[in-house]
Amino acid sequence: MESELDSLEEKIDQFVRLCQQLRSENIQLRQQLAGAASENRHLTEKIGVAASRLEAILAQIPQSEK
């Protein structure tokens, strides 16, 4: 009976450590996701600015006559 309780205690300890590890990993992944989303917004804005500048440059090029 004592060995069964020891075994159960060890399994519970392993479970608790795993839960703590997963919680920590989850926090880290959420932070990475937030960073990636922020970077994505920044890059999307840069693409928009570049597209606007390119459209302005193309509008300045005279159309060739046929």
Protein backbone atom coordinates (compact mmCIF):
# COMPACT_ATOMS: atom_id res chain seq x y z
CA MET A 1 0.00 0.00 0.00
CA GLU A 2 2.84 2.40 0.86
CA SER A 3 4.55 1.81 -2.49
CA GLU A 4 1.28 2.46 -4.33
CA LEU A 5 0.91 5.79 -2.51
CA ASP A 6 4.51 6.68 -3.31
CA SER A 7 3.93 5.84 -6.95
CA LEU A 8 0.75 7.90 -7.01
CA GLU A 9 2.53 10.82 -5.35
CA GLU A 10 5.30 10.68 -7.95
CA LYS A 11 2.76 10.64 -10.78
CA ILE A 12 0.97 13.62 -9.28
CA ASP A 13 4.28 15.47 -8.95
CA GLN A 14 5.08 14.72 -12.59
CA PHE A 15 1.63 15.93 -13.61
CA VAL A 16 2.06 19.17 -11.64
CA ARG A 17 5.49 19.79 -13.21
CA LEU A 18 4.07 19.13 -16.66
CA CYS A 19 1.19 21.55 -16.05
CA GLN A 20 3.62 24.23 -14.89
CA GLN A 21 5.84 23.64 -17.91
CA LEU A 22 2.88 23.82 -20.28
CA ARG A 23 1.57 26.96 -18.61
CA SER A 24 4.96 28.62 -18.99
CA GLU A 25 5.22 27.51 -22.61
CA ASN A 26 1.71 28.79 -23.29
CA ILE A 27 2.60 32.22 -21.90
CA GLN A 28 5.74 32.31 -24.04
CA LEU A 29 3.80 31.30 -27.15
CA ARG A 30 1.17 33.96 -26.51
CA GLN A 31 3.93 36.57 -26.24
CA GLN A 32 5.49 35.35 -29.48
CA LEU A 33 2.10 35.45 -31.18
CA ALA A 34 1.49 39.01 -29.99
CA GLY A 35 4.93 40.01 -31.28
CA ALA A 36 4.31 38.36 -34.63
CA ALA A 37 0.90 40.05 -34.94
CA SER A 38 2.48 43.41 -34.17
CA GLU A 39 5.22 42.85 -36.74
CA ASN A 40 2.58 41.78 -39.27
CA ARG A 41 0.64 45.03 -38.73
CA HIS A 42 3.85 47.04 -39.10
CA LEU A 43 4.80 45.29 -42.34
CA THR A 44 1.28 45.67 -43.71
CA GLU A 45 1.48 49.40 -43.08
CA LYS A 46 4.87 49.57 -44.81
CA ILE A 47 3.47 47.71 -47.83
CA GLY A 48 0.58 50.19 -47.97
CA VAL A 49 2.96 53.15 -47.89
CA ALA A 50 5.17 51.58 -50.57
CA ALA A 51 2.16 50.85 -52.77
CA SER A 52 0.96 54.44 -52.45
CA ARG A 53 4.40 55.78 -53.34
CA LEU A 54 4.62 53.45 -56.33
CA GLU A 55 1.19 54.54 -57.55
CA ALA A 56 2.26 58.19 -57.25
CA ILE A 57 5.43 57.50 -59.23
CA LEU A 58 3.51 55.61 -61.92
CA ALA A 59 1.01 58.46 -62.18
CA GLN A 60 3.88 60.84 -63.03
CA ILE A 61 5.07 58.72 -65.96
CA PRO A 62 3.53 60.05 -69.18
CA GLN A 63 1.42 57.66 -71.16
CA SER A 64 3.01 56.68 -74.47
CA GLU A 65 1.06 57.65 -77.58
CA LYS A 66 0.19 55.00 -80.08
